[in-house]
C-alpha atoms as a PDB file:
ATOM      1  CA  MET A   1      -9.535  54.818  13.580  1.00  0.00           C
ATOM      2  CA  GLY A   2      -8.589  53.026  10.354  1.00  0.00           C
ATOM      3  CA  ARG A   3      -5.857  50.639   9.421  1.00  0.00           C
ATOM      4  CA  PRO A   4      -2.401  50.780  10.995  1.00  0.00           C
ATOM      5  CA  ARG A   5       0.149  52.635   8.889  1.00  0.00           C
ATOM      6  CA  ILE A   6       3.593  51.989   7.415  1.00  0.00           C
ATOM      7  CA  LEU A   7       5.711  54.938   6.354  1.00  0.00           C
ATOM      8  CA  CYS A   8       7.716  54.250   3.223  1.00  0.00           C
ATOM      9  CA  ILE A   9      10.614  56.733   2.673  1.00  0.00           C
ATOM     10  CA  ASP A  10      11.994  55.837  -0.724  1.00  0.00           C
ATOM     11  CA  ASN A  11      12.346  57.802  -3.974  1.00  0.00           C
ATOM     12  CA  ASP A  12      11.310  54.696  -5.934  1.00  0.00           C
ATOM     13  CA  SER A  13       7.476  54.881  -5.992  1.00  0.00           C
ATOM     14  CA  ASP A  14       7.332  51.305  -7.298  1.00  0.00           C
ATOM     15  CA  ILE A  15       8.836  50.007  -4.072  1.00  0.00           C
ATOM     16  CA  CYS A  16       6.293  51.879  -1.918  1.00  0.00           C
ATOM     17  CA  GLU A  17       3.549  50.549  -4.156  1.00  0.00           C
ATOM     18  CA  LEU A  18       4.922  47.005  -3.715  1.00  0.00           C
ATOM     19  CA  TYR A  19       4.456  47.400   0.055  1.00  0.00           C
ATOM     20  CA  THR A  20       0.729  48.020  -0.387  1.00  0.00           C
ATOM     21  CA  VAL A  21       0.520  44.605  -2.026  1.00  0.00           C
ATOM     22  CA  VAL A  22       2.809  42.871   0.523  1.00  0.00           C
ATOM     23  CA  PHE A  23       1.040  44.444   3.529  1.00  0.00           C
ATOM     24  CA  PRO A  24      -2.632  44.745   2.532  1.00  0.00           C
ATOM     25  CA  GLU A  25      -3.589  45.118   6.210  1.00  0.00           C
ATOM     26  CA  PHE A  26      -1.775  48.433   6.404  1.00  0.00           C
ATOM     27  CA  GLU A  27      -2.143  51.876   4.896  1.00  0.00           C
ATOM     28  CA  VAL A  28       1.162  52.618   3.278  1.00  0.00           C
ATOM     29  CA  VAL A  29       2.094  56.306   3.297  1.00  0.00           C
ATOM     30  CA  SER A  30       4.864  57.285   0.926  1.00  0.00           C
ATOM     31  CA  ALA A  31       7.532  59.983   0.995  1.00  0.00           C
ATOM     32  CA  SER A  32       9.938  60.307  -1.873  1.00  0.00           C
ATOM     33  CA  CYS A  33      12.574  62.363  -0.005  1.00  0.00           C
ATOM     34  CA  ARG A  34      14.126  62.920   3.336  1.00  0.00           C
ATOM     35  CA  ALA A  35      12.289  66.165   4.034  1.00  0.00           C
ATOM     36  CA  ASP A  36       8.855  64.725   3.304  1.00  0.00           C
ATOM     37  CA  GLY A  37       9.659  61.586   5.272  1.00  0.00           C
ATOM     38  CA  LEU A  38      10.712  63.542   8.333  1.00  0.00           C
ATOM     39  CA  HIS A  39       7.633  65.668   8.171  1.00  0.00           C
ATOM     40  CA  LEU A  40       5.366  62.581   8.044  1.00  0.00           C
ATOM     41  CA  ALA A  41       7.404  60.783  10.772  1.00  0.00           C
ATOM     42  CA  ARG A  42       7.041  63.785  13.092  1.00  0.00           C
ATOM     43  CA  ASP A  43       3.246  63.530  12.749  1.00  0.00           C
ATOM     44  CA  GLY A  44       3.582  59.984  14.090  1.00  0.00           C
ATOM     45  CA  GLY A  45       1.112  57.185  14.129  1.00  0.00           C
ATOM     46  CA  PHE A  46       3.078  54.657  12.199  1.00  0.00           C
ATOM     47  CA  SER A  47       3.569  51.000  13.127  1.00  0.00           C
ATOM     48  CA  LEU A  48       6.707  50.701  10.994  1.00  0.00           C
ATOM     49  CA  ILE A  49       9.049  52.859   8.934  1.00  0.00           C
ATOM     50  CA  LEU A  50      10.700  51.408   5.825  1.00  0.00           C
ATOM     51  CA  LEU A  51      13.671  53.629   4.885  1.00  0.00           C
ATOM     52  CA  GLU A  52      15.939  53.616   1.828  1.00  0.00           C
ATOM     53  CA  SER A  53      19.603  54.220   2.629  1.00  0.00           C
ATOM     54  CA  THR A  54      20.066  56.715  -0.247  1.00  0.00           C
ATOM     55  CA  LEU A  55      17.603  59.539  -0.735  1.00  0.00           C
ATOM     56  CA  PRO A  56      17.722  62.423  -3.260  1.00  0.00           C
ATOM     57  CA  ASP A  57      18.061  65.076  -0.526  1.00  0.00           C
ATOM     58  CA  GLY A  58      20.152  63.266   2.075  1.00  0.00           C
ATOM     59  CA  SER A  59      21.149  59.944   3.478  1.00  0.00           C
ATOM     60  CA  GLY A  60      18.934  57.351   5.164  1.00  0.00           C
ATOM     61  CA  GLU A  61      21.486  57.335   8.003  1.00  0.00           C
ATOM     62  CA  ASP A  62      20.881  61.013   8.804  1.00  0.00           C
ATOM     63  CA  THR A  63      17.138  60.476   8.397  1.00  0.00           C
ATOM     64  CA  CYS A  64      17.127  57.619  10.849  1.00  0.00           C
ATOM     65  CA  GLU A  65      19.179  59.488  13.371  1.00  0.00           C
ATOM     66  CA  THR A  66      16.904  62.495  13.112  1.00  0.00           C
ATOM     67  CA  ILE A  67      13.817  60.320  13.561  1.00  0.00           C
ATOM     68  CA  ARG A  68      15.430  58.760  16.652  1.00  0.00           C
ATOM     69  CA  ASP A  69      15.792  62.296  18.094  1.00  0.00           C
ATOM     70  CA  PHE A  70      11.967  62.596  18.369  1.00  0.00           C
ATOM     71  CA  ASP A  71      10.778  59.026  18.078  1.00  0.00           C
ATOM     72  CA  LYS A  72      12.577  56.286  19.961  1.00  0.00           C
ATOM     73  CA  ASP A  73       9.944  53.599  19.580  1.00  0.00           C
ATOM     74  CA  THR A  74       8.661  53.154  16.005  1.00  0.00           C
ATOM     75  CA  PRO A  75      10.578  50.303  14.382  1.00  0.00           C
ATOM     76  CA  ILE A  76      12.757  51.278  11.339  1.00  0.00           C
ATOM     77  CA  LEU A  77      13.930  48.822   8.714  1.00  0.00           C
ATOM     78  CA  PHE A  78      16.418  49.945   6.098  1.00  0.00           C
ATOM     79  CA  ILE A  79      15.453  48.652   2.622  1.00  0.00           C
ATOM     80  CA  THR A  80      18.517  48.966   0.448  1.00  0.00           C
ATOM     81  CA  ALA A  81      20.473  47.657  -2.546  1.00  0.00           C
ATOM     82  CA  SER A  82      23.609  49.505  -1.411  1.00  0.00           C
ATOM     83  CA  GLN A  83      26.654  47.268  -1.154  1.00  0.00           C
ATOM     84  CA  THR A  84      28.216  49.548   1.439  1.00  0.00           C
ATOM     85  CA  PHE A  85      25.315  49.812   3.879  1.00  0.00           C
ATOM     86  CA  SER A  86      25.452  47.092   6.571  1.00  0.00           C
ATOM     87  CA  GLU A  87      23.155  45.556   9.172  1.00  0.00           C
ATOM     88  CA  LEU A  88      25.667  46.613  11.843  1.00  0.00           C
ATOM     89  CA  LEU A  89      25.474  50.232  10.706  1.00  0.00           C
ATOM     90  CA  ALA A  90      21.648  50.140  10.761  1.00  0.00           C
ATOM     91  CA  LEU A  91      21.597  48.838  14.293  1.00  0.00           C
ATOM     92  CA  TYR A  92      24.243  51.351  15.405  1.00  0.00           C
ATOM     93  CA  ILE A  93      22.203  54.329  14.232  1.00  0.00           C
ATOM     94  CA  GLY A  94      18.958  53.163  15.847  1.00  0.00           C
ATOM     95  CA  ALA A  95      17.221  50.996  13.259  1.00  0.00           C
ATOM     96  CA  GLN A  96      16.107  47.420  13.843  1.00  0.00           C
ATOM     97  CA  GLY A  97      17.832  45.978  10.778  1.00  0.00           C
ATOM     98  CA  THR A  98      18.056  45.865   7.023  1.00  0.00           C
ATOM     99  CA  VAL A  99      16.423  44.063   4.130  1.00  0.00           C
ATOM    100  CA  ARG A 100      18.356  43.783   0.841  1.00  0.00           C
ATOM    101  CA  LYS A 101      16.437  44.785  -2.214  1.00  0.00           C
ATOM    102  CA  ASP A 102      18.789  42.769  -4.408  1.00  0.00           C
ATOM    103  CA  SER A 103      18.214  39.516  -2.467  1.00  0.00           C
ATOM    104  CA  LYS A 104      16.321  36.683  -4.154  1.00  0.00           C
ATOM    105  CA  LEU A 105      14.432  36.366  -0.892  1.00  0.00           C
ATOM    106  CA  PHE A 106      13.603  40.108  -0.631  1.00  0.00           C
ATOM    107  CA  ILE A 107       9.844  39.702  -0.106  1.00  0.00           C
ATOM    108  CA  GLU A 108      10.231  36.772   2.312  1.00  0.00           C
ATOM    109  CA  ASP A 109      12.905  38.660   4.293  1.00  0.00           C
ATOM    110  CA  LEU A 110      10.784  41.813   4.410  1.00  0.00           C
ATOM    111  CA  ILE A 111       7.706  39.979   5.653  1.00  0.00           C
ATOM    112  CA  SER A 112       9.741  38.006   8.226  1.00  0.00           C
ATOM    113  CA  LYS A 113      11.480  41.062   9.677  1.00  0.00           C
ATOM    114  CA  ALA A 114       8.395  43.277   9.568  1.00  0.00           C
ATOM    115  CA  THR A 115       6.348  40.553  11.247  1.00  0.00           C
ATOM    116  CA  SER A 116       8.856  40.291  14.058  1.00  0.00           C
ATOM    117  CA  LEU A 117       8.773  44.037  14.656  1.00  0.00           C
ATOM    118  CA  VAL A 118       5.038  44.699  14.318  1.00  0.00           C
ATOM    119  CA  ARG A 119       2.846  42.336  16.349  1.00  0.00           C
ATOM    120  CA  SER A 120      -0.529  43.276  14.945  1.00  0.00           C
ATOM    121  CA  PRO A 121      -1.989  42.816  12.405  1.00  0.00           C
ATOM    122  CA  LEU A 122       0.966  41.163  10.599  1.00  0.00           C
ATOM    123  CA  SER A 123       1.296  38.372  13.191  1.00  0.00           C
ATOM    124  CA  GLU A 124      -2.428  37.653  12.996  1.00  0.00           C
ATOM    125  CA  SER A 125      -2.457  37.104   9.285  1.00  0.00           C
END
């Protein structure tokens, strides 16, 4: 069936490419806007969704809420550099948390949070 998949919804293609290095056990599928991300999320089959809070065609908040309308189970992590987007807001709208792009520990935080949300294969590496 292939490798498990992560959906990256972020208009910064370099960030999505970084995830392929950070999570080599996964196939990283990228969407650069809300519309494409929702289309891919509806198709399902993802172990994790990494979602930017600001997208060119809408907000990450609306995107998360829409995903939760049809998918209650796939973990969602907001990946953001926004100073106004909070962990509490992420949890309130149905995500499992946030990781700050501007943190010195960005990669470590990303791996830690993703590992806690996705049992396999991250926890086996």
